[in-house]
């Protein structure tokens, strides 16, 4: 199960990079990583540090999605606000 989740995450990272028309080496340079390390991220390697993932989310302007990890399930209003904000930002990115 963990492997499938990481592979899916890596594939979504690759798709986001390609959608921005960035070559793997250029994106790796912007992350401060080697191209092989970015390749590991995109293939779902569990050995890549969380710091590399946070930097990737920052470059993709999706760092707010980190707040969803281990988020408290107690406050439904807060969850709704986060989802609404993420959805709105996603729609804006598609328009521009």
Protein backbone atom coordinates (compact mmCIF):
# COMPACT_ATOMS: atom_id res chain seq x y z
CA UNK A 1 0.00 0.00 0.00
CA UNK A 2 2.77 2.46 0.94
CA UNK A 3 4.58 1.76 -2.32
CA UNK A 4 1.45 2.49 -4.36
CA UNK A 5 0.88 5.78 -2.55
CA UNK A 6 4.49 6.89 -3.06
CA UNK A 7 4.45 5.86 -6.71
CA UNK A 8 1.26 7.86 -7.21
CA UNK A 9 2.79 10.86 -5.47
CA UNK A 10 5.88 10.60 -7.64
CA UNK A 11 3.80 10.34 -10.79
CA UNK A 12 1.80 13.44 -9.82
CA UNK A 13 5.07 15.30 -9.22
CA UNK A 14 6.31 14.26 -12.68
CA UNK A 15 3.03 15.35 -14.29
CA UNK A 16 3.16 18.72 -12.51
CA UNK A 17 6.75 19.26 -13.68
CA UNK A 18 5.87 18.36 -17.26
CA UNK A 19 2.77 20.58 -17.19
CA UNK A 20 5.10 23.46 -16.37
CA UNK A 21 7.30 22.50 -19.33
CA UNK A 22 10.35 21.95 -17.13
CA UNK A 23 13.03 19.47 -18.02
CA UNK A 24 14.02 17.10 -15.23
CA UNK A 25 17.53 18.56 -14.87
CA UNK A 26 16.30 22.15 -14.62
CA UNK A 27 13.68 21.24 -12.03
CA UNK A 28 16.27 19.26 -10.05
CA UNK A 29 18.62 22.26 -10.14
CA UNK A 30 15.84 24.52 -8.83
CA UNK A 31 15.21 22.03 -6.02
CA UNK A 32 18.90 21.89 -5.18
CA UNK A 33 18.94 18.15 -5.94
CA UNK A 34 20.68 15.92 -8.40
CA UNK A 35 18.73 14.66 -11.40
CA UNK A 36 18.93 11.07 -10.10
CA UNK A 37 17.37 12.17 -6.79
CA UNK A 38 14.51 13.87 -8.62
CA UNK A 39 14.14 10.67 -10.63
CA UNK A 40 13.81 8.77 -7.36
CA UNK A 41 11.12 11.17 -6.20
CA UNK A 42 9.22 10.76 -9.45
CA UNK A 43 9.44 6.98 -9.19
CA UNK A 44 8.18 6.95 -5.58
CA UNK A 45 11.40 5.99 -3.80
CA UNK A 46 10.72 6.04 -0.03
CA UNK A 47 14.32 7.07 0.72
CA UNK A 48 13.90 10.67 -0.48
CA UNK A 49 13.83 13.15 2.39
CA UNK A 50 10.69 15.04 3.34
CA UNK A 51 12.71 18.23 2.87
CA UNK A 52 13.01 17.51 -0.85
CA UNK A 53 9.25 17.03 -1.04
CA UNK A 54 8.53 20.27 0.82
CA UNK A 55 10.81 22.18 -1.55
CA UNK A 56 9.07 20.59 -4.56
CA UNK A 57 5.67 21.58 -3.19
CA UNK A 58 6.96 25.12 -2.67
CA UNK A 59 8.23 25.36 -6.27
CA UNK A 60 4.88 24.09 -7.51
CA UNK A 61 3.07 26.63 -5.28
CA UNK A 62 1.32 23.81 -3.46
CA UNK A 63 2.99 24.06 -0.03
CA UNK A 64 -0.40 24.56 1.65
CA UNK A 65 -1.15 20.92 0.90
CA UNK A 66 1.35 19.95 3.60
CA UNK A 67 -1.18 21.19 6.15
CA UNK A 68 -3.43 18.32 5.13
CA UNK A 69 -0.90 15.73 6.33
CA UNK A 70 -1.90 14.44 9.74
CA UNK A 71 -4.46 17.22 9.99
CA UNK A 72 -6.78 17.07 12.94
CA UNK A 73 -10.16 15.68 11.99
CA UNK A 74 -11.95 17.59 14.73
CA UNK A 75 -12.73 20.90 13.06
CA UNK A 76 -14.95 20.42 10.00
CA UNK A 77 -15.16 24.16 9.34
CA UNK A 78 -11.36 24.38 9.13
CA UNK A 79 -11.23 21.37 6.81
CA UNK A 80 -13.85 22.96 4.57
CA UNK A 81 -11.90 26.24 4.45
CA UNK A 82 -8.66 24.44 3.52
CA UNK A 83 -10.37 22.40 0.79
CA UNK A 84 -12.10 25.47 -0.57
CA UNK A 85 -8.84 27.44 -0.66
CA UNK A 86 -6.98 24.60 -2.38
CA UNK A 87 -9.77 24.14 -4.91
CA UNK A 88 -9.87 27.88 -5.65
CA UNK A 89 -6.08 28.04 -6.11
CA UNK A 90 -6.20 25.00 -8.38
CA UNK A 91 -8.85 26.66 -10.54
CA UNK A 92 -6.82 29.87 -10.75
CA UNK A 93 -3.70 27.97 -11.82
CA UNK A 94 -5.68 26.30 -14.61
CA UNK A 95 -6.94 29.68 -15.85
CA UNK A 96 -3.53 31.37 -15.86
